[in-house]
Amino acid sequence: MGEQKKDKSIIVFDGYCNFCSGSVMFIIRRDPGLIFRFTASQSEAGRQILKENNLSELAEHSLILVEDGRIYYKSGAALRIARKLRGLWSIFYGFIVVPGIIRDFIYEVLANKRYRLYGRREECFLPAEENRERFL
């Protein structure tokens, strides 16, 4: 991960998923400290991160967070991201005490319905010009 900076956390997301792309914009609006950088799992940088960490099977169904050399996915990634967002979103991190198997089951139910509920893009998500420096 030559492009990853040690002081940044990288979020890998499904660039074709409307819900996932909307979530990225939600995070950007609540991340004034510029903690997070982003890459679609379909991009060259995203594919490289997935390959280096043997995560290609997770890519289609999970939000992935690379933070301080560690990999978090599914509900663990979502909760760790929420913890660093501006506003009351950090309180959701309290759900980390719920066993991962339960949290991830709920995450999977939502992940498996995301295209049906929110739709799918024909082309991979591209950020607005003012946010492009946050994408790998």
N, C-alpha and C. Protein backbone atom coordinates (compact mmCIF):
# COMPACT_ATOMS: atom_id res chain seq x y z
N MET A 1 0.83 -1.18 0.00
CA MET A 1 0.00 0.00 0.00
C MET A 1 0.87 1.24 0.00
N GLY A 2 1.66 1.40 -1.01
CA GLY A 2 2.58 2.50 -1.07
C GLY A 2 1.93 3.86 -0.95
N GLU A 3 0.68 4.01 -1.42
CA GLU A 3 0.02 5.31 -1.39
C GLU A 3 -0.58 5.64 -0.03
N GLN A 4 -0.74 4.65 0.84
CA GLN A 4 -1.37 4.90 2.12
C GLN A 4 -0.45 5.71 3.02
N LYS A 5 -0.99 6.78 3.58
CA LYS A 5 -0.25 7.57 4.54
C LYS A 5 -0.57 7.02 5.92
N LYS A 6 0.43 6.98 6.78
CA LYS A 6 0.25 6.43 8.12
C LYS A 6 -0.79 7.19 8.93
N ASP A 7 -0.96 8.49 8.67
CA ASP A 7 -1.88 9.28 9.47
C ASP A 7 -3.31 9.26 8.93
N LYS A 8 -3.56 8.53 7.90
CA LYS A 8 -4.89 8.48 7.30
C LYS A 8 -5.47 7.07 7.40
N SER A 9 -6.76 7.04 7.54
CA SER A 9 -7.49 5.78 7.49
C SER A 9 -8.13 5.71 6.11
N ILE A 10 -8.09 4.52 5.51
CA ILE A 10 -8.62 4.34 4.16
C ILE A 10 -9.89 3.51 4.23
N ILE A 11 -10.92 4.00 3.56
CA ILE A 11 -12.18 3.28 3.46
C ILE A 11 -12.30 2.76 2.04
N VAL A 12 -12.47 1.45 1.91
CA VAL A 12 -12.68 0.81 0.61
C VAL A 12 -14.17 0.50 0.54
N PHE A 13 -14.81 0.94 -0.55
CA PHE A 13 -16.26 0.79 -0.68
C PHE A 13 -16.62 0.32 -2.08
N ASP A 14 -17.84 -0.15 -2.25
CA ASP A 14 -18.35 -0.59 -3.55
C ASP A 14 -18.76 0.64 -4.34
N GLY A 15 -18.00 0.98 -5.37
CA GLY A 15 -18.25 2.18 -6.16
C GLY A 15 -19.48 2.13 -7.03
N TYR A 16 -20.08 0.95 -7.21
CA TYR A 16 -21.29 0.83 -8.01
C TYR A 16 -22.56 0.93 -7.16
N CYS A 17 -22.41 0.83 -5.87
CA CYS A 17 -23.54 0.82 -4.95
C CYS A 17 -23.95 2.25 -4.57
N ASN A 18 -25.19 2.61 -4.83
CA ASN A 18 -25.67 3.95 -4.47
C ASN A 18 -25.62 4.19 -2.96
N PHE A 19 -25.97 3.19 -2.18
CA PHE A 19 -25.94 3.34 -0.73
C PHE A 19 -24.51 3.57 -0.25
N CYS A 20 -23.58 2.80 -0.79
CA CYS A 20 -22.17 2.92 -0.39
C CYS A 20 -21.60 4.28 -0.78
N SER A 21 -21.89 4.73 -1.99
CA SER A 21 -21.41 6.04 -2.44
C SER A 21 -22.04 7.15 -1.61
N GLY A 22 -23.31 7.01 -1.28
CA GLY A 22 -23.96 7.98 -0.41
C GLY A 22 -23.34 7.99 0.98
N SER A 23 -22.94 6.82 1.45
CA SER A 23 -22.29 6.72 2.76
C SER A 23 -20.94 7.45 2.75
N VAL A 24 -20.22 7.35 1.65
CA VAL A 24 -18.95 8.06 1.53
C VAL A 24 -19.18 9.56 1.63
N MET A 25 -20.19 10.07 0.95
CA MET A 25 -20.49 11.50 1.01
C MET A 25 -20.93 11.90 2.42
N PHE A 26 -21.68 11.04 3.08
CA PHE A 26 -22.09 11.26 4.46
C PHE A 26 -20.86 11.39 5.36
N ILE A 27 -19.91 10.50 5.20
CA ILE A 27 -18.67 10.52 5.99
C ILE A 27 -17.88 11.80 5.71
N ILE A 28 -17.73 12.16 4.44
CA ILE A 28 -16.96 13.35 4.08
C ILE A 28 -17.53 14.59 4.76
N ARG A 29 -18.86 14.73 4.77
CA ARG A 29 -19.50 15.90 5.39
C ARG A 29 -19.29 15.95 6.90
N ARG A 30 -19.01 14.81 7.53
CA ARG A 30 -18.85 14.75 8.98
C ARG A 30 -17.42 14.48 9.42
N ASP A 31 -16.49 14.68 8.50
CA ASP A 31 -15.07 14.41 8.76
C ASP A 31 -14.24 15.68 8.51
N PRO A 32 -14.45 16.72 9.31
CA PRO A 32 -13.73 17.98 9.07
C PRO A 32 -12.22 17.86 9.31
N GLY A 33 -11.80 16.87 10.08
CA GLY A 33 -10.38 16.66 10.33
C GLY A 33 -9.68 15.91 9.22
N LEU A 34 -10.42 15.56 8.17
CA LEU A 34 -9.87 14.85 7.01
C LEU A 34 -9.15 13.57 7.43
N ILE A 35 -9.74 12.84 8.33
CA ILE A 35 -9.17 11.59 8.84
C ILE A 35 -9.20 10.51 7.76
N PHE A 36 -10.29 10.48 7.00
CA PHE A 36 -10.51 9.37 6.07
C PHE A 36 -10.16 9.72 4.64
N ARG A 37 -9.58 8.72 3.97
CA ARG A 37 -9.39 8.74 2.52
C ARG A 37 -10.21 7.58 1.98
N PHE A 38 -10.50 7.60 0.69
CA PHE A 38 -11.44 6.65 0.12
C PHE A 38 -10.92 6.05 -1.18
N THR A 39 -11.38 4.85 -1.45
CA THR A 39 -11.14 4.24 -2.75
C THR A 39 -12.23 3.21 -3.01
N ALA A 40 -12.71 3.18 -4.23
CA ALA A 40 -13.68 2.17 -4.61
C ALA A 40 -12.96 0.83 -4.75
N SER A 41 -13.64 -0.24 -4.39
CA SER A 41 -13.02 -1.57 -4.50
C SER A 41 -12.72 -1.91 -5.95
N GLN A 42 -13.38 -1.24 -6.89
CA GLN A 42 -13.17 -1.50 -8.31
C GLN A 42 -12.01 -0.69 -8.90
N SER A 43 -11.49 0.28 -8.16
CA SER A 43 -10.39 1.11 -8.66
C SER A 43 -9.07 0.36 -8.55
N GLU A 44 -8.07 0.86 -9.22
CA GLU A 44 -6.74 0.23 -9.16
C GLU A 44 -6.22 0.21 -7.72
N ALA A 45 -6.34 1.34 -7.02
CA ALA A 45 -5.86 1.41 -5.62
C ALA A 45 -6.67 0.46 -4.74
N GLY A 46 -7.98 0.42 -4.95
CA GLY A 46 -8.83 -0.47 -4.16
C GLY A 46 -8.50 -1.93 -4.39
N ARG A 47 -8.33 -2.31 -5.65
CA ARG A 47 -7.97 -3.70 -5.98
C ARG A 47 -6.63 -4.08 -5.36
N GLN A 48 -5.68 -3.13 -5.36
CA GLN A 48 -4.36 -3.40 -4.78
C GLN A 48 -4.47 -3.63 -3.27
N ILE A 49 -5.23 -2.80 -2.57
CA ILE A 49 -5.42 -2.97 -1.13
C ILE A 49 -6.07 -4.32 -0.84
N LEU A 50 -7.08 -4.67 -1.61
CA LEU A 50 -7.78 -5.95 -1.41
C LEU A 50 -6.84 -7.12 -1.67
N LYS A 51 -6.06 -7.03 -2.74
CA LYS A 51 -5.14 -8.11 -3.09
C LYS A 51 -4.07 -8.28 -2.00
N GLU A 52 -3.47 -7.18 -1.56
CA GLU A 52 -2.41 -7.24 -0.56
C GLU A 52 -2.89 -7.82 0.77
N ASN A 53 -4.18 -7.70 1.01
CA ASN A 53 -4.74 -8.17 2.29
C ASN A 53 -5.65 -9.39 2.13
N ASN A 54 -5.61 -10.04 0.95
CA ASN A 54 -6.42 -11.23 0.67
C ASN A 54 -7.89 -11.01 1.00
N LEU A 55 -8.44 -9.89 0.54
CA LEU A 55 -9.82 -9.53 0.87
C LEU A 55 -10.75 -9.48 -0.33
N SER A 56 -10.36 -10.00 -1.45
CA SER A 56 -11.17 -9.84 -2.66
C SER A 56 -12.60 -10.38 -2.51
N GLU A 57 -12.79 -11.44 -1.75
CA GLU A 57 -14.13 -11.99 -1.59
C GLU A 57 -15.03 -11.06 -0.76
N LEU A 58 -14.46 -10.29 0.15
CA LEU A 58 -15.24 -9.38 0.99
C LEU A 58 -15.65 -8.12 0.25
N ALA A 59 -14.92 -7.76 -0.78
CA ALA A 59 -15.07 -6.46 -1.42
C ALA A 59 -16.48 -6.15 -1.88
N GLU A 60 -17.18 -7.14 -2.40
CA GLU A 60 -18.50 -6.88 -2.95
C GLU A 60 -19.57 -6.71 -1.88
N HIS A 61 -19.32 -7.15 -0.68
CA HIS A 61 -20.37 -7.13 0.33
C HIS A 61 -20.00 -6.39 1.60
N SER A 62 -18.88 -5.70 1.61
CA SER A 62 -18.46 -5.12 2.87
C SER A 62 -17.73 -3.80 2.70
N LEU A 63 -17.97 -2.92 3.61
CA LEU A 63 -17.18 -1.72 3.78
C LEU A 63 -15.90 -2.17 4.48
N ILE A 64 -14.77 -1.71 4.00
CA ILE A 64 -13.49 -2.12 4.59
C ILE A 64 -12.74 -0.88 5.04
N LEU A 65 -12.20 -0.94 6.25
CA LEU A 65 -11.43 0.16 6.81
C LEU A 65 -10.01 -0.33 7.06
N VAL A 66 -9.04 0.39 6.51
CA VAL A 66 -7.63 0.11 6.76
C VAL A 66 -7.15 1.24 7.67
N GLU A 67 -6.74 0.86 8.87
CA GLU A 67 -6.38 1.86 9.87
C GLU A 67 -5.19 1.37 10.68
N ASP A 68 -4.13 2.14 10.67
CA ASP A 68 -2.92 1.79 11.42
C ASP A 68 -2.44 0.37 11.12
N GLY A 69 -2.49 0.01 9.84
CA GLY A 69 -2.02 -1.30 9.43
C GLY A 69 -2.96 -2.45 9.73
N ARG A 70 -4.12 -2.17 10.28
CA ARG A 70 -5.11 -3.20 10.60
C ARG A 70 -6.29 -3.08 9.65
N ILE A 71 -6.96 -4.20 9.44
CA ILE A 71 -8.12 -4.27 8.55
C ILE A 71 -9.37 -4.51 9.38
N TYR A 72 -10.39 -3.70 9.13
CA TYR A 72 -11.70 -3.89 9.77
C TYR A 72 -12.72 -3.98 8.65
N TYR A 73 -13.72 -4.79 8.83
CA TYR A 73 -14.74 -4.91 7.80
C TYR A 73 -16.10 -5.11 8.46
N LYS A 74 -17.12 -5.00 7.62
CA LYS A 74 -18.51 -5.13 8.04
C LYS A 74 -18.82 -4.17 9.18
N SER A 75 -19.49 -4.65 10.22
CA SER A 75 -19.93 -3.77 11.30
C SER A 75 -18.76 -3.17 12.07
N GLY A 76 -17.67 -3.90 12.18
CA GLY A 76 -16.50 -3.38 12.88
C GLY A 76 -15.96 -2.13 12.20
N ALA A 77 -15.92 -2.14 10.87
CA ALA A 77 -15.47 -0.97 10.13
C ALA A 77 -16.45 0.18 10.31
N ALA A 78 -17.73 -0.10 10.16
CA ALA A 78 -18.75 0.96 10.27
C ALA A 78 -18.72 1.62 11.64
N LEU A 79 -18.58 0.84 12.69
CA LEU A 79 -18.56 1.41 14.04
C LEU A 79 -17.30 2.22 14.30
N ARG A 80 -16.16 1.76 13.79
CA ARG A 80 -14.91 2.50 13.98
C ARG A 80 -14.93 3.82 13.19
N ILE A 81 -15.59 3.82 12.06
CA ILE A 81 -15.75 5.05 11.29
C ILE A 81 -16.66 6.01 12.05
N ALA A 82 -17.79 5.51 12.52
CA ALA A 82 -18.76 6.35 13.25
C ALA A 82 -18.10 7.02 14.45
N ARG A 83 -17.22 6.29 15.12
CA ARG A 83 -16.55 6.82 16.32
C ARG A 83 -15.79 8.11 16.03
N LYS A 84 -15.32 8.30 14.80
CA LYS A 84 -14.50 9.46 14.48
C LYS A 84 -15.26 10.58 13.77
N LEU A 85 -16.55 10.42 13.59
CA LEU A 85 -17.33 11.44 12.89
C LEU A 85 -17.80 12.54 13.83
N ARG A 86 -17.95 13.73 13.27
CA ARG A 86 -18.45 14.88 14.01
C ARG A 86 -19.93 14.65 14.35
N GLY A 87 -20.33 15.16 15.48
CA GLY A 87 -21.72 15.04 15.90
C GLY A 87 -21.92 13.84 16.81
N LEU A 88 -23.16 13.43 16.91
CA LEU A 88 -23.51 12.33 17.82
C LEU A 88 -23.22 10.95 17.25
N TRP A 89 -22.71 10.88 16.05
CA TRP A 89 -22.48 9.58 15.41
C TRP A 89 -21.53 8.70 16.21
N SER A 90 -20.65 9.31 16.97
CA SER A 90 -19.67 8.53 17.74
C SER A 90 -20.33 7.65 18.80
N ILE A 91 -21.54 7.98 19.22
CA ILE A 91 -22.21 7.15 20.23
C ILE A 91 -22.51 5.75 19.71
N PHE A 92 -22.62 5.60 18.39
CA PHE A 92 -22.89 4.28 17.83
C PHE A 92 -21.75 3.30 18.08
N TYR A 93 -20.56 3.84 18.36
CA TYR A 93 -19.43 2.96 18.66
C TYR A 93 -19.73 2.10 19.88
N GLY A 94 -20.62 2.52 20.73
CA GLY A 94 -21.02 1.73 21.90
C GLY A 94 -21.52 0.34 21.52
N PHE A 95 -22.02 0.19 20.30
CA PHE A 95 -22.50 -1.13 19.85
C PHE A 95 -21.37 -2.13 19.64
N ILE A 96 -20.13 -1.67 19.78
CA ILE A 96 -18.98 -2.57 19.63
C ILE A 96 -19.02 -3.67 20.70
N VAL A 97 -19.76 -3.44 21.80
CA VAL A 97 -19.87 -4.45 22.86
C VAL A 97 -20.79 -5.61 22.46
N VAL A 98 -21.62 -5.39 21.45
CA VAL A 98 -22.47 -6.47 20.94
C VAL A 98 -21.56 -7.46 20.21
N PRO A 99 -21.72 -8.74 20.45
CA PRO A 99 -20.86 -9.72 19.77
C PRO A 99 -20.85 -9.53 18.25
N GLY A 100 -19.66 -9.62 17.67
CA GLY A 100 -19.49 -9.42 16.24
C GLY A 100 -20.38 -10.29 15.39
N ILE A 101 -20.64 -11.50 15.79
CA ILE A 101 -21.48 -12.38 15.00
C ILE A 101 -22.90 -11.83 14.85
N ILE A 102 -23.39 -11.17 15.88
CA ILE A 102 -24.73 -10.56 15.83
C ILE A 102 -24.69 -9.29 14.99
N ARG A 103 -23.69 -8.42 15.26
CA ARG A 103 -23.57 -7.18 14.48
C ARG A 103 -23.40 -7.48 13.00
N ASP A 104 -22.55 -8.45 12.68
CA ASP A 104 -22.28 -8.76 11.28
C ASP A 104 -23.47 -9.42 10.59
N PHE A 105 -24.28 -10.15 11.34
CA PHE A 105 -25.49 -10.72 10.75
C PHE A 105 -26.42 -9.60 10.29
N ILE A 106 -26.62 -8.61 11.13
CA ILE A 106 -27.46 -7.46 10.78
C ILE A 106 -26.85 -6.70 9.60
N TYR A 107 -25.55 -6.51 9.64
CA TYR A 107 -24.84 -5.84 8.55
C TYR A 107 -25.07 -6.59 7.23
N GLU A 108 -24.93 -7.90 7.26
CA GLU A 108 -25.10 -8.72 6.05
C GLU A 108 -26.51 -8.65 5.49
N VAL A 109 -27.51 -8.64 6.36
CA VAL A 109 -28.90 -8.53 5.91
C VAL A 109 -29.06 -7.24 5.10
N LEU A 110 -28.54 -6.14 5.64
CA LEU A 110 -28.63 -4.85 4.93
C LEU A 110 -27.79 -4.85 3.67
N ALA A 111 -26.57 -5.38 3.75
CA ALA A 111 -25.66 -5.39 2.60
C ALA A 111 -26.25 -6.19 1.44
N ASN A 112 -26.91 -7.28 1.74
CA ASN A 112 -27.48 -8.12 0.68
C ASN A 112 -28.70 -7.49 0.02
N LYS A 113 -29.29 -6.47 0.63
CA LYS A 113 -30.47 -5.81 0.06
C LYS A 113 -30.17 -4.41 -0.47
N ARG A 114 -28.92 -3.97 -0.38
CA ARG A 114 -28.61 -2.58 -0.70
C ARG A 114 -28.89 -2.21 -2.15
N TYR A 115 -28.63 -3.09 -3.10
CA TYR A 115 -28.91 -2.76 -4.49
C TYR A 115 -30.42 -2.67 -4.73
N ARG A 116 -31.15 -3.58 -4.14
CA ARG A 116 -32.60 -3.57 -4.32
C ARG A 116 -33.22 -2.32 -3.70
N LEU A 117 -32.72 -1.91 -2.53
CA LEU A 117 -33.29 -0.77 -1.82
C LEU A 117 -32.81 0.58 -2.37
N TYR A 118 -31.54 0.67 -2.76
CA TYR A 118 -30.95 1.95 -3.14
C TYR A 118 -30.49 2.03 -4.59
N GLY A 119 -30.44 0.90 -5.27
CA GLY A 119 -30.04 0.90 -6.66
C GLY A 119 -28.54 0.72 -6.86
N ARG A 120 -28.20 0.61 -8.12
CA ARG A 120 -26.82 0.36 -8.52
C ARG A 120 -26.48 1.31 -9.67
N ARG A 121 -25.29 1.85 -9.63
CA ARG A 121 -24.81 2.74 -10.69
C ARG A 121 -24.34 1.92 -11.89
N GLU A 122 -24.45 2.51 -13.05
CA GLU A 122 -23.92 1.88 -14.26
C GLU A 122 -22.40 2.05 -14.34
N GLU A 123 -21.92 3.16 -13.75
CA GLU A 123 -20.49 3.44 -13.74
C GLU A 123 -20.04 3.67 -12.30
N CYS A 124 -18.79 3.43 -12.04
CA CYS A 124 -18.24 3.58 -10.70
C CYS A 124 -18.34 5.04 -10.24
N PHE A 125 -18.62 5.23 -8.97
CA PHE A 125 -18.76 6.55 -8.35
C PHE A 125 -17.52 7.41 -8.56
N LEU A 126 -17.72 8.65 -8.96
CA LEU A 126 -16.63 9.62 -9.08
C LEU A 126 -16.93 10.78 -8.14
N PRO A 127 -15.96 11.16 -7.33
CA PRO A 127 -16.19 12.26 -6.38
C PRO A 127 -16.24 13.61 -7.07
N ALA A 128 -16.89 14.57 -6.41
CA ALA A 128 -16.88 15.94 -6.90
C ALA A 128 -15.45 16.48 -6.86
N GLU A 129 -15.19 17.45 -7.69
CA GLU A 129 -13.84 18.02 -7.79
C GLU A 129 -13.26 18.43 -6.43
N GLU A 130 -14.09 19.05 -5.58
CA GLU A 130 -13.59 19.54 -4.29
C GLU A 130 -13.21 18.42 -3.32
N ASN A 131 -13.61 17.17 -3.62
CA ASN A 131 -13.28 16.04 -2.75
C ASN A 131 -12.27 15.08 -3.35
N ARG A 132 -11.82 15.32 -4.55
CA ARG A 132 -10.97 14.34 -5.25
C ARG A 132 -9.66 14.06 -4.54
N GLU A 133 -9.11 15.02 -3.81
CA GLU A 133 -7.83 14.79 -3.13
C GLU A 133 -7.97 13.78 -2.00
N ARG A 134 -9.19 13.46 -1.61
CA ARG A 134 -9.43 12.49 -0.55
C ARG A 134 -9.54 11.06 -1.07
N PHE A 135 -9.47 10.90 -2.38
CA PHE A 135 -9.61 9.59 -3.01
C PHE A 135 -8.28 9.13 -3.58
N LEU A 136 -8.01 7.84 -3.40
CA LEU A 136 -6.78 7.25 -3.94
C LEU A 136 -6.97 6.93 -5.41
